[in-house]
C-alpha cells in the first residue's frame, strides 16, 4: 500500500494515497510548503494540462454559430499556427524550462 507524506514525516500509520485527478492535485498544491509564486505557477501549468482539450470543439462551435463566416477565420488561424508551430512549441518548452530551473535553484539549501 502506498503511503502519504504525513506518514513519512509524523511516524503515524500509513495513509492511502489520494486518488489521481485535477481536484486532488489542486489540494496537494495548496497544502504544499511551496511559496505562493510557485503554487501559482503550478496552478497555471495544471490548468493548461487540464484545459488543453477544450480548444478541440471551438472550430465546431464557430462553424455551427457563424456558418460559412467561420471559414475565413479558421483558415487564417490554421495558416498562422502552421507557420509558427515550431516557435509556439519552443516558447512553451522554454517557459517550462525556466520554471524548472527556478524551482531547482530555490530547492538548493
PDB file of N, CA and C in Angstrom:
ATOM      1  N   UNK A   1       0.848  -1.185   0.000  1.00  0.00           N
ATOM      2  CA  UNK A   1       0.000   0.000   0.000  1.00  0.00           C
ATOM      3  C   UNK A   1       0.885   1.236   0.000  1.00  0.00           C
ATOM      4  N   UNK A   2       0.541   2.224  -0.790  1.00  0.00           N
ATOM      5  CA  UNK A   2       1.303   3.469  -0.838  1.00  0.00           C
ATOM      6  C   UNK A   2       1.031   4.277   0.416  1.00  0.00           C
ATOM      7  N   UNK A   3       2.007   5.024   0.812  1.00  0.00           N
ATOM      8  CA  UNK A   3       1.824   5.865   1.984  1.00  0.00           C
ATOM      9  C   UNK A   3       1.922   7.313   1.583  1.00  0.00           C
ATOM     10  N   UNK A   4       1.206   8.133   2.288  1.00  0.00           N
ATOM     11  CA  UNK A   4       1.219   9.560   2.010  1.00  0.00           C
ATOM     12  C   UNK A   4       2.363  10.242   2.724  1.00  0.00           C
ATOM     13  N   UNK A   5       2.599  11.514   2.460  1.00  0.00           N
ATOM     14  CA  UNK A   5       3.702  12.237   3.068  1.00  0.00           C
ATOM     15  C   UNK A   5       3.558  12.395   4.567  1.00  0.00           C
ATOM     16  N   UNK A   6       2.323  12.388   5.071  1.00  0.00           N
ATOM     17  CA  UNK A   6       2.117  12.549   6.507  1.00  0.00           C
ATOM     18  C   UNK A   6       2.705  11.379   7.281  1.00  0.00           C
ATOM     19  N   UNK A   7       2.594  10.172   6.739  1.00  0.00           N
ATOM     20  CA  UNK A   7       3.117   9.000   7.422  1.00  0.00           C
ATOM     21  C   UNK A   7       4.634   9.051   7.514  1.00  0.00           C
ATOM     22  N   UNK A   8       5.276   9.578   6.500  1.00  0.00           N
ATOM     23  CA  UNK A   8       6.734   9.631   6.476  1.00  0.00           C
ATOM     24  C   UNK A   8       7.276  10.674   7.442  1.00  0.00           C
ATOM     25  N   UNK A   9       6.543  11.752   7.663  1.00  0.00           N
ATOM     26  CA  UNK A   9       7.065  12.832   8.490  1.00  0.00           C
ATOM     27  C   UNK A   9       6.633  12.734   9.940  1.00  0.00           C
ATOM     28  N   UNK A  10       5.465  12.161  10.218  1.00  0.00           N
ATOM     29  CA  UNK A  10       4.970  12.139  11.583  1.00  0.00           C
ATOM     30  C   UNK A  10       5.110  10.783  12.245  1.00  0.00           C
ATOM     31  N   UNK A  11       5.407   9.752  11.481  1.00  0.00           N
ATOM     32  CA  UNK A  11       5.538   8.426  12.049  1.00  0.00           C
ATOM     33  C   UNK A  11       4.202   7.773  12.339  1.00  0.00           C
ATOM     34  N   UNK A  12       3.110   8.348  11.896  1.00  0.00           N
ATOM     35  CA  UNK A  12       1.793   7.763  12.128  1.00  0.00           C
ATOM     36  C   UNK A  12       1.573   6.607  11.166  1.00  0.00           C
ATOM     37  N   UNK A  13       0.437   5.978  11.289  1.00  0.00           N
ATOM     38  CA  UNK A  13       0.137   4.843  10.425  1.00  0.00           C
ATOM     39  C   UNK A  13       0.033   5.311   8.980  1.00  0.00           C
ATOM     40  N   UNK A  14       0.342   4.418   8.041  1.00  0.00           N
ATOM     41  CA  UNK A  14       0.292   4.808   6.628  1.00  0.00           C
ATOM     42  C   UNK A  14      -1.103   5.253   6.215  1.00  0.00           C
ATOM     43  N   UNK A  15      -1.140   6.276   5.386  1.00  0.00           N
ATOM     44  CA  UNK A  15      -2.411   6.749   4.853  1.00  0.00           C
ATOM     45  C   UNK A  15      -2.443   6.440   3.369  1.00  0.00           C
ATOM     46  N   UNK A  16      -3.596   6.078   2.849  1.00  0.00           N
ATOM     47  CA  UNK A  16      -3.670   5.776   1.416  1.00  0.00           C
ATOM     48  C   UNK A  16      -3.415   7.017   0.588  1.00  0.00           C
ATOM     49  N   UNK A  17      -2.796   6.810  -0.560  1.00  0.00           N
ATOM     50  CA  UNK A  17      -2.530   7.892  -1.495  1.00  0.00           C
ATOM     51  C   UNK A  17      -3.865   8.392  -2.052  1.00  0.00           C
ATOM     52  N   UNK A  18      -4.067   9.717  -2.141  1.00  0.00           N
ATOM     53  CA  UNK A  18      -5.341  10.212  -2.677  1.00  0.00           C
ATOM     54  C   UNK A  18      -5.495   9.822  -4.138  1.00  0.00           C
ATOM     55  N   UNK A  19      -6.728   9.684  -4.595  1.00  0.00           N
ATOM     56  CA  UNK A  19      -6.935   9.331  -5.998  1.00  0.00           C
ATOM     57  C   UNK A  19      -6.402  10.432  -6.904  1.00  0.00           C
ATOM     58  N   UNK A  20      -5.933  10.024  -8.075  1.00  0.00           N
ATOM     59  CA  UNK A  20      -5.388  10.991  -9.024  1.00  0.00           C
ATOM     60  C   UNK A  20      -6.516  11.788  -9.653  1.00  0.00           C
ATOM     61  N   UNK A  21      -6.217  12.987 -10.026  1.00  0.00           N
ATOM     62  CA  UNK A  21      -7.203  13.832 -10.691  1.00  0.00           C
ATOM     63  C   UNK A  21      -6.906  15.281 -10.408  1.00  0.00           C
ATOM     64  N   UNK A  22      -7.458  16.179 -11.227  1.00  0.00           N
ATOM     65  CA  UNK A  22      -7.170  17.598 -11.052  1.00  0.00           C
ATOM     66  C   UNK A  22      -7.561  18.141  -9.686  1.00  0.00           C
ATOM     67  N   UNK A  23      -8.719  17.747  -9.157  1.00  0.00           N
ATOM     68  CA  UNK A  23      -9.152  18.270  -7.866  1.00  0.00           C
ATOM     69  C   UNK A  23      -8.178  17.894  -6.767  1.00  0.00           C
ATOM     70  N   UNK A  24      -7.688  16.666  -6.795  1.00  0.00           N
ATOM     71  CA  UNK A  24      -6.711  16.221  -5.792  1.00  0.00           C
ATOM     72  C   UNK A  24      -5.399  16.967  -5.963  1.00  0.00           C
ATOM     73  N   UNK A  25      -5.019  17.235  -7.190  1.00  0.00           N
ATOM     74  CA  UNK A  25      -3.765  17.949  -7.436  1.00  0.00           C
ATOM     75  C   UNK A  25      -3.871  19.388  -6.928  1.00  0.00           C
ATOM     76  N   UNK A  26      -5.012  20.033  -7.101  1.00  0.00           N
ATOM     77  CA  UNK A  26      -5.191  21.378  -6.574  1.00  0.00           C
ATOM     78  C   UNK A  26      -5.019  21.360  -5.053  1.00  0.00           C
ATOM     79  N   UNK A  27      -5.599  20.365  -4.410  1.00  0.00           N
ATOM     80  CA  UNK A  27      -5.498  20.241  -2.958  1.00  0.00           C
ATOM     81  C   UNK A  27      -4.041  20.054  -2.544  1.00  0.00           C
ATOM     82  N   UNK A  28      -3.316  19.209  -3.261  1.00  0.00           N
ATOM     83  CA  UNK A  28      -1.914  18.977  -2.956  1.00  0.00           C
ATOM     84  C   UNK A  28      -1.096  20.255  -3.102  1.00  0.00           C
ATOM     85  N   UNK A  29      -1.389  21.030  -4.129  1.00  0.00           N
ATOM     86  CA  UNK A  29      -0.649  22.274  -4.353  1.00  0.00           C
ATOM     87  C   UNK A  29      -0.908  23.255  -3.211  1.00  0.00           C
ATOM     88  N   UNK A  30      -2.170  23.413  -2.822  1.00  0.00           N
ATOM     89  CA  UNK A  30      -2.487  24.386  -1.776  1.00  0.00           C
ATOM     90  C   UNK A  30      -1.954  23.958  -0.413  1.00  0.00           C
ATOM     91  N   UNK A  31      -1.831  22.677  -0.175  1.00  0.00           N
ATOM     92  CA  UNK A  31      -1.320  22.190   1.106  1.00  0.00           C
ATOM     93  C   UNK A  31       0.202  22.090   1.142  1.00  0.00           C
ATOM     94  N   UNK A  32       0.852  22.298   0.010  1.00  0.00           N
ATOM     95  CA  UNK A  32       2.306  22.169  -0.039  1.00  0.00           C
ATOM     96  C   UNK A  32       2.970  23.340   0.683  1.00  0.00           C
ATOM     97  N   UNK A  33       4.243  23.161   0.978  1.00  0.00           N
ATOM     98  CA  UNK A  33       5.004  24.222   1.643  1.00  0.00           C
ATOM     99  C   UNK A  33       5.660  25.151   0.630  1.00  0.00           C
ATOM    100  N   UNK A  34       5.314  25.007  -0.625  1.00  0.00           N
ATOM    101  CA  UNK A  34       5.890  25.852  -1.671  1.00  0.00           C
ATOM    102  C   UNK A  34       5.438  27.291  -1.496  1.00  0.00           C
ATOM    103  N   UNK A  35       6.244  28.202  -2.017  1.00  0.00           N
ATOM    104  CA  UNK A  35       5.890  29.622  -1.934  1.00  0.00           C
ATOM    105  C   UNK A  35       4.627  29.885  -2.752  1.00  0.00           C
ATOM    106  N   UNK A  36       4.028  31.013  -2.497  1.00  0.00           N
ATOM    107  CA  UNK A  36       2.809  31.382  -3.219  1.00  0.00           C
ATOM    108  C   UNK A  36       3.063  31.486  -4.717  1.00  0.00           C
ATOM    109  N   UNK A  37       4.200  32.060  -5.098  1.00  0.00           N
ATOM    110  CA  UNK A  37       4.521  32.187  -6.520  1.00  0.00           C
ATOM    111  C   UNK A  37       4.661  30.814  -7.175  1.00  0.00           C
ATOM    112  N   UNK A  38       5.314  29.886  -6.492  1.00  0.00           N
ATOM    113  CA  UNK A  38       5.473  28.535  -7.027  1.00  0.00           C
ATOM    114  C   UNK A  38       4.125  27.848  -7.132  1.00  0.00           C
ATOM    115  N   UNK A  39       3.275  28.042  -6.147  1.00  0.00           N
ATOM    116  CA  UNK A  39       1.933  27.458  -6.201  1.00  0.00           C
ATOM    117  C   UNK A  39       1.145  28.026  -7.377  1.00  0.00           C
ATOM    118  N   UNK A  40       1.270  29.328  -7.628  1.00  0.00           N
ATOM    119  CA  UNK A  40       0.555  29.943  -8.744  1.00  0.00           C
ATOM    120  C   UNK A  40       1.025  29.361 -10.074  1.00  0.00           C
ATOM    121  N   UNK A  41       2.332  29.183 -10.224  1.00  0.00           N
ATOM    122  CA  UNK A  41       2.859  28.593 -11.457  1.00  0.00           C
ATOM    123  C   UNK A  41       2.352  27.166 -11.605  1.00  0.00           C
ATOM    124  N   UNK A  42       2.338  26.416 -10.517  1.00  0.00           N
ATOM    125  CA  UNK A  42       1.828  25.041 -10.563  1.00  0.00           C
ATOM    126  C   UNK A  42       0.354  25.021 -10.967  1.00  0.00           C
ATOM    127  N   UNK A  43      -0.432  25.963 -10.443  1.00  0.00           N
ATOM    128  CA  UNK A  43      -1.844  26.054 -10.831  1.00  0.00           C
ATOM    129  C   UNK A  43      -1.983  26.344 -12.323  1.00  0.00           C
ATOM    130  N   UNK A  44      -1.167  27.256 -12.828  1.00  0.00           N
ATOM    131  CA  UNK A  44      -1.237  27.612 -14.253  1.00  0.00           C
ATOM    132  C   UNK A  44      -0.906  26.406 -15.114  1.00  0.00           C
ATOM    133  N   UNK A  45       0.173  25.700 -14.758  1.00  0.00           N
ATOM    134  CA  UNK A  45       0.563  24.524 -15.533  1.00  0.00           C
ATOM    135  C   UNK A  45      -0.521  23.460 -15.473  1.00  0.00           C
ATOM    136  N   UNK A  46      -1.069  23.222 -14.292  1.00  0.00           N
ATOM    137  CA  UNK A  46      -2.136  22.229 -14.154  1.00  0.00           C
ATOM    138  C   UNK A  46      -3.359  22.642 -14.969  1.00  0.00           C
ATOM    139  N   UNK A  47      -3.706  23.922 -14.928  1.00  0.00           N
ATOM    140  CA  UNK A  47      -4.852  24.392 -15.713  1.00  0.00           C
ATOM    141  C   UNK A  47      -4.643  24.182 -17.202  1.00  0.00           C
ATOM    142  N   UNK A  48      -3.440  24.464 -17.672  1.00  0.00           N
ATOM    143  CA  UNK A  48      -3.152  24.277 -19.097  1.00  0.00           C
ATOM    144  C   UNK A  48      -3.291  22.804 -19.469  1.00  0.00           C
ATOM    145  N   UNK A  49      -2.769  21.926 -18.620  1.00  0.00           N
ATOM    146  CA  UNK A  49      -2.844  20.489 -18.901  1.00  0.00           C
ATOM    147  C   UNK A  49      -4.289  20.007 -18.875  1.00  0.00           C
ATOM    148  N   UNK A  50      -5.048  20.462 -17.882  1.00  0.00           N
ATOM    149  CA  UNK A  50      -6.435  20.013 -17.739  1.00  0.00           C
ATOM    150  C   UNK A  50      -7.317  20.598 -18.834  1.00  0.00           C
ATOM    151  N   UNK A  51      -7.083  21.861 -19.186  1.00  0.00           N
ATOM    152  CA  UNK A  51      -7.951  22.544 -20.152  1.00  0.00           C
ATOM    153  C   UNK A  51      -7.473  22.410 -21.592  1.00  0.00           C
ATOM    154  N   UNK A  52      -6.360  21.719 -21.817  1.00  0.00           N
ATOM    155  CA  UNK A  52      -5.815  21.576 -23.161  1.00  0.00           C
ATOM    156  C   UNK A  52      -6.829  21.028 -24.168  1.00  0.00           C
ATOM    157  N   UNK A  53      -7.658  20.048 -23.806  1.00  0.00           N
ATOM    158  CA  UNK A  53      -8.616  19.536 -24.790  1.00  0.00           C
ATOM    159  C   UNK A  53      -9.773  20.494 -25.110  1.00  0.00           C
ATOM    160  N   UNK A  54      -9.936  21.575 -24.344  1.00  0.00           N
ATOM    161  CA  UNK A  54     -11.066  22.485 -24.546  1.00  0.00           C
ATOM    162  C   UNK A  54     -11.076  23.108 -25.943  1.00  0.00           C
ATOM    163  N   UNK A  55      -9.936  23.524 -26.527  1.00  0.00           N
ATOM    164  CA  UNK A  55      -9.995  24.146 -27.857  1.00  0.00           C
ATOM    165  C   UNK A  55     -10.466  23.216 -28.971  1.00  0.00           C
ATOM    166  N   UNK A  56     -10.514  21.932 -28.738  1.00  0.00           N
ATOM    167  CA  UNK A  56     -10.907  20.992 -29.781  1.00  0.00           C
ATOM    168  C   UNK A  56     -12.305  21.292 -30.332  1.00  0.00           C
ATOM    169  N   UNK A  57     -13.324  21.543 -29.503  1.00  0.00           N
ATOM    170  CA  UNK A  57     -14.659  21.807 -30.068  1.00  0.00           C
ATOM    171  C   UNK A  57     -14.853  23.239 -30.567  1.00  0.00           C
ATOM    172  N   UNK A  58     -13.873  24.127 -30.373  1.00  0.00           N
ATOM    173  CA  UNK A  58     -14.045  25.527 -30.768  1.00  0.00           C
ATOM    174  C   UNK A  58     -14.357  25.669 -32.256  1.00  0.00           C
ATOM    175  N   UNK A  59     -13.619  25.029 -33.167  1.00  0.00           N
ATOM    176  CA  UNK A  59     -13.978  25.158 -34.583  1.00  0.00           C
ATOM    177  C   UNK A  59     -15.382  24.656 -34.902  1.00  0.00           C
ATOM    178  N   UNK A  60     -15.806  23.617 -34.237  1.00  0.00           N
ATOM    179  CA  UNK A  60     -17.147  23.080 -34.472  1.00  0.00           C
ATOM    180  C   UNK A  60     -18.201  24.092 -34.038  1.00  0.00           C
ATOM    181  N   UNK A  61     -17.997  24.694 -32.866  1.00  0.00           N
ATOM    182  CA  UNK A  61     -18.956  25.682 -32.368  1.00  0.00           C
ATOM    183  C   UNK A  61     -18.960  26.914 -33.274  1.00  0.00           C
ATOM    184  N   UNK A  62     -17.768  27.368 -33.685  1.00  0.00           N
ATOM    185  CA  UNK A  62     -17.705  28.517 -34.596  1.00  0.00           C
ATOM    186  C   UNK A  62     -18.439  28.231 -35.902  1.00  0.00           C
ATOM    187  N   UNK A  63     -18.221  27.053 -36.466  1.00  0.00           N
ATOM    188  CA  UNK A  63     -18.886  26.692 -37.722  1.00  0.00           C
ATOM    189  C   UNK A  63     -20.401  26.604 -37.528  1.00  0.00           C
ATOM    190  N   UNK A  64     -20.825  26.105 -36.372  1.00  0.00           N
ATOM    191  CA  UNK A  64     -22.262  25.983 -36.113  1.00  0.00           C
ATOM    192  C   UNK A  64     -22.907  27.355 -35.929  1.00  0.00           C
ATOM    193  N   UNK A  65     -22.198  28.257 -35.247  1.00  0.00           N
ATOM    194  CA  UNK A  65     -22.766  29.569 -34.946  1.00  0.00           C
ATOM    195  C   UNK A  65     -22.640  30.524 -36.137  1.00  0.00           C
ATOM    196  N   UNK A  66     -21.449  30.574 -36.745  1.00  0.00           N
ATOM    197  CA  UNK A  66     -21.202  31.543 -37.805  1.00  0.00           C
ATOM    198  C   UNK A  66     -21.421  30.992 -39.205  1.00  0.00           C
ATOM    199  N   UNK A  67     -21.571  29.684 -39.310  1.00  0.00           N
ATOM    200  CA  UNK A  67     -21.767  29.074 -40.626  1.00  0.00           C
ATOM    201  C   UNK A  67     -20.536  29.240 -41.485  1.00  0.00           C
ATOM    202  N   UNK A  68     -20.726  29.635 -42.739  1.00  0.00           N
ATOM    203  CA  UNK A  68     -19.591  29.788 -43.652  1.00  0.00           C
ATOM    204  C   UNK A  68     -18.737  31.008 -43.295  1.00  0.00           C
ATOM    205  N   UNK A  69     -19.236  31.866 -42.427  1.00  0.00           N
ATOM    206  CA  UNK A  69     -18.460  33.033 -41.984  1.00  0.00           C
ATOM    207  C   UNK A  69     -17.254  32.638 -41.153  1.00  0.00           C
ATOM    208  N   UNK A  70     -17.262  31.454 -40.584  1.00  0.00           N
ATOM    209  CA  UNK A  70     -16.143  30.987 -39.777  1.00  0.00           C
ATOM    210  C   UNK A  70     -15.004  30.468 -40.634  1.00  0.00           C
ATOM    211  N   UNK A  71     -15.274  30.166 -41.908  1.00  0.00           N
ATOM    212  CA  UNK A  71     -14.239  29.593 -42.773  1.00  0.00           C
ATOM    213  C   UNK A  71     -13.007  30.476 -42.866  1.00  0.00           C
ATOM    214  N   UNK A  72     -13.198  31.740 -43.122  1.00  0.00           N
ATOM    215  CA  UNK A  72     -12.057  32.659 -43.267  1.00  0.00           C
ATOM    216  C   UNK A  72     -11.253  32.727 -41.969  1.00  0.00           C
ATOM    217  N   UNK A  73     -11.940  32.870 -40.838  1.00  0.00           N
ATOM    218  CA  UNK A  73     -11.272  32.961 -39.544  1.00  0.00           C
ATOM    219  C   UNK A  73     -10.481  31.682 -39.254  1.00  0.00           C
ATOM    220  N   UNK A  74     -11.083  30.542 -39.504  1.00  0.00           N
ATOM    221  CA  UNK A  74     -10.411  29.275 -39.242  1.00  0.00           C
ATOM    222  C   UNK A  74      -9.238  29.057 -40.194  1.00  0.00           C
ATOM    223  N   UNK A  75      -9.392  29.468 -41.448  1.00  0.00           N
ATOM    224  CA  UNK A  75      -8.293  29.333 -42.407  1.00  0.00           C
ATOM    225  C   UNK A  75      -7.092  30.182 -42.009  1.00  0.00           C
ATOM    226  N   UNK A  76      -7.355  31.418 -41.589  1.00  0.00           N
ATOM    227  CA  UNK A  76      -6.267  32.308 -41.169  1.00  0.00           C
ATOM    228  C   UNK A  76      -5.574  31.749 -39.928  1.00  0.00           C
ATOM    229  N   UNK A  77      -6.354  31.283 -38.971  1.00  0.00           N
ATOM    230  CA  UNK A  77      -5.783  30.708 -37.750  1.00  0.00           C
ATOM    231  C   UNK A  77      -4.958  29.467 -38.074  1.00  0.00           C
ATOM    232  N   UNK A  78      -5.480  28.607 -38.930  1.00  0.00           N
ATOM    233  CA  UNK A  78      -4.770  27.384 -39.321  1.00  0.00           C
ATOM    234  C   UNK A  78      -3.449  27.718 -40.001  1.00  0.00           C
ATOM    235  N   UNK A  79      -3.484  28.705 -40.892  1.00  0.00           N
ATOM    236  CA  UNK A  79      -2.264  29.108 -41.596  1.00  0.00           C
ATOM    237  C   UNK A  79      -1.227  29.677 -40.624  1.00  0.00           C
ATOM    238  N   UNK A  80      -1.681  30.534 -39.688  1.00  0.00           N
ATOM    239  CA  UNK A  80      -0.762  31.139 -38.727  1.00  0.00           C
ATOM    240  C   UNK A  80      -0.130  30.081 -37.820  1.00  0.00           C
ATOM    241  N   UNK A  81      -0.936  29.165 -37.296  1.00  0.00           N
ATOM    242  CA  UNK A  81      -0.409  28.107 -36.433  1.00  0.00           C
ATOM    243  C   UNK A  81       0.557  27.217 -37.217  1.00  0.00           C
ATOM    244  N   UNK A  82       0.223  26.921 -38.459  1.00  0.00           N
ATOM    245  CA  UNK A  82       1.111  26.113 -39.285  1.00  0.00           C
ATOM    246  C   UNK A  82       2.455  26.775 -39.515  1.00  0.00           C
ATOM    247  N   UNK A  83       2.452  28.068 -39.747  1.00  0.00           N
ATOM    248  CA  UNK A  83       3.693  28.803 -39.976  1.00  0.00           C
ATOM    249  C   UNK A  83       4.505  28.989 -38.696  1.00  0.00           C
ATOM    250  N   UNK A  84       3.844  29.021 -37.549  1.00  0.00           N
ATOM    251  CA  UNK A  84       4.517  29.330 -36.286  1.00  0.00           C
ATOM    252  C   UNK A  84       4.554  28.163 -35.309  1.00  0.00           C
ATOM    253  N   UNK A  85       4.285  26.953 -35.780  1.00  0.00           N
ATOM    254  CA  UNK A  85       4.215  25.797 -34.880  1.00  0.00           C
ATOM    255  C   UNK A  85       5.519  25.585 -34.118  1.00  0.00           C
ATOM    256  N   UNK A  86       6.631  25.710 -34.790  1.00  0.00           N
ATOM    257  CA  UNK A  86       7.929  25.498 -34.138  1.00  0.00           C
ATOM    258  C   UNK A  86       8.167  26.561 -33.061  1.00  0.00           C
ATOM    259  N   UNK A  87       7.836  27.805 -33.361  1.00  0.00           N
ATOM    260  CA  UNK A  87       8.009  28.885 -32.383  1.00  0.00           C
ATOM    261  C   UNK A  87       7.084  28.687 -31.193  1.00  0.00           C
ATOM    262  N   UNK A  88       5.857  28.300 -31.442  1.00  0.00           N
ATOM    263  CA  UNK A  88       4.899  28.061 -30.359  1.00  0.00           C
ATOM    264  C   UNK A  88       5.424  26.969 -29.442  1.00  0.00           C
ATOM    265  N   UNK A  89       5.876  25.867 -30.010  1.00  0.00           N
ATOM    266  CA  UNK A  89       6.419  24.772 -29.207  1.00  0.00           C
ATOM    267  C   UNK A  89       7.658  25.184 -28.438  1.00  0.00           C
ATOM    268  N   UNK A  90       8.533  25.950 -29.070  1.00  0.00           N
ATOM    269  CA  UNK A  90       9.760  26.404 -28.413  1.00  0.00           C
ATOM    270  C   UNK A  90       9.447  27.307 -27.226  1.00  0.00           C
ATOM    271  N   UNK A  91       8.501  28.207 -27.399  1.00  0.00           N
ATOM    272  CA  UNK A  91       8.130  29.118 -26.301  1.00  0.00           C
ATOM    273  C   UNK A  91       7.543  28.332 -25.133  1.00  0.00           C
ATOM    274  N   UNK A  92       6.667  27.388 -25.409  1.00  0.00           N
ATOM    275  CA  UNK A  92       6.066  26.580 -24.339  1.00  0.00           C
ATOM    276  C   UNK A  92       7.156  25.818 -23.594  1.00  0.00           C
ATOM    277  N   UNK A  93       8.072  25.193 -24.321  1.00  0.00           N
ATOM    278  CA  UNK A  93       9.148  24.436 -23.687  1.00  0.00           C
ATOM    279  C   UNK A  93      10.090  25.348 -22.912  1.00  0.00           C
ATOM    280  N   UNK A  94      10.384  26.543 -23.435  1.00  0.00           N
ATOM    281  CA  UNK A  94      11.277  27.475 -22.746  1.00  0.00           C
ATOM    282  C   UNK A  94      10.664  27.957 -21.432  1.00  0.00           C
ATOM    283  N   UNK A  95       9.379  28.264 -21.451  1.00  0.00           N
ATOM    284  CA  UNK A  95       8.707  28.705 -20.223  1.00  0.00           C
ATOM    285  C   UNK A  95       8.747  27.599 -19.180  1.00  0.00           C
ATOM    286  N   UNK A  96       8.486  26.376 -19.586  1.00  0.00           N
ATOM    287  CA  UNK A  96       8.519  25.264 -18.652  1.00  0.00           C
ATOM    288  C   UNK A  96       9.942  25.038 -18.141  1.00  0.00           C
ATOM    289  N   UNK A  97      10.940  25.171 -19.010  1.00  0.00           N
ATOM    290  CA  UNK A  97      12.337  25.001 -18.600  1.00  0.00           C
ATOM    291  C   UNK A  97      12.733  26.053 -17.566  1.00  0.00           C
ATOM    292  N   UNK A  98      12.337  27.300 -17.781  1.00  0.00           N
ATOM    293  CA  UNK A  98      12.637  28.362 -16.818  1.00  0.00           C
ATOM    294  C   UNK A  98      11.983  28.046 -15.475  1.00  0.00           C
ATOM    295  N   UNK A  99      10.756  27.588 -15.508  1.00  0.00           N
ATOM    296  CA  UNK A  99      10.068  27.208 -14.274  1.00  0.00           C
ATOM    297  C   UNK A  99      10.853  26.132 -13.534  1.00  0.00           C
ATOM    298  N   UNK A 100      11.292  25.097 -14.250  1.00  0.00           N
ATOM    299  CA  UNK A 100      12.033  24.015 -13.602  1.00  0.00           C
ATOM    300  C   UNK A 100      13.383  24.491 -13.062  1.00  0.00           C
ATOM    301  N   UNK A 101      14.054  25.371 -13.788  1.00  0.00           N
ATOM    302  CA  UNK A 101      15.335  25.903 -13.322  1.00  0.00           C
ATOM    303  C   UNK A 101      15.144  26.716 -12.048  1.00  0.00           C
ATOM    304  N   UNK A 102      14.153  27.601 -12.045  1.00  0.00           N
ATOM    305  CA  UNK A 102      13.875  28.415 -10.858  1.00  0.00           C
ATOM    306  C   UNK A 102      13.515  27.517  -9.681  1.00  0.00           C
ATOM    307  N   UNK A 103      12.695  26.536  -9.915  1.00  0.00           N
ATOM    308  CA  UNK A 103      12.305  25.608  -8.844  1.00  0.00           C
ATOM    309  C   UNK A 103      13.530  24.855  -8.319  1.00  0.00           C
ATOM    310  N   UNK A 104      14.416  24.445  -9.210  1.00  0.00           N
ATOM    311  CA  UNK A 104      15.623  23.733  -8.805  1.00  0.00           C
ATOM    312  C   UNK A 104      16.560  24.622  -8.001  1.00  0.00           C
ATOM    313  N   UNK A 105      16.730  25.865  -8.436  1.00  0.00           N
ATOM    314  CA  UNK A 105      17.609  26.788  -7.716  1.00  0.00           C
ATOM    315  C   UNK A 105      17.068  27.084  -6.330  1.00  0.00           C
ATOM    316  N   UNK A 106      15.765  27.256  -6.219  1.00  0.00           N
ATOM    317  CA  UNK A 106      15.162  27.526  -4.910  1.00  0.00           C
ATOM    318  C   UNK A 106      15.270  26.336  -3.961  1.00  0.00           C
ATOM    319  N   UNK A 107      15.403  25.139  -4.523  1.00  0.00           N
ATOM    320  CA  UNK A 107      15.492  23.935  -3.687  1.00  0.00           C
ATOM    321  C   UNK A 107      16.905  23.707  -3.142  1.00  0.00           C
ATOM    322  N   UNK A 108      17.888  24.431  -3.665  1.00  0.00           N
ATOM    323  CA  UNK A 108      19.265  24.279  -3.189  1.00  0.00           C
ATOM    324  C   UNK A 108      19.357  24.894  -1.792  1.00  0.00           C
ATOM    325  N   UNK A 109      19.871  24.104  -0.838  1.00  0.00           N
ATOM    326  CA  UNK A 109      19.961  24.631   0.546  1.00  0.00           C
ATOM    327  C   UNK A 109      21.045  25.669   0.711  1.00  0.00           C
TER     328      UNK A 109
END
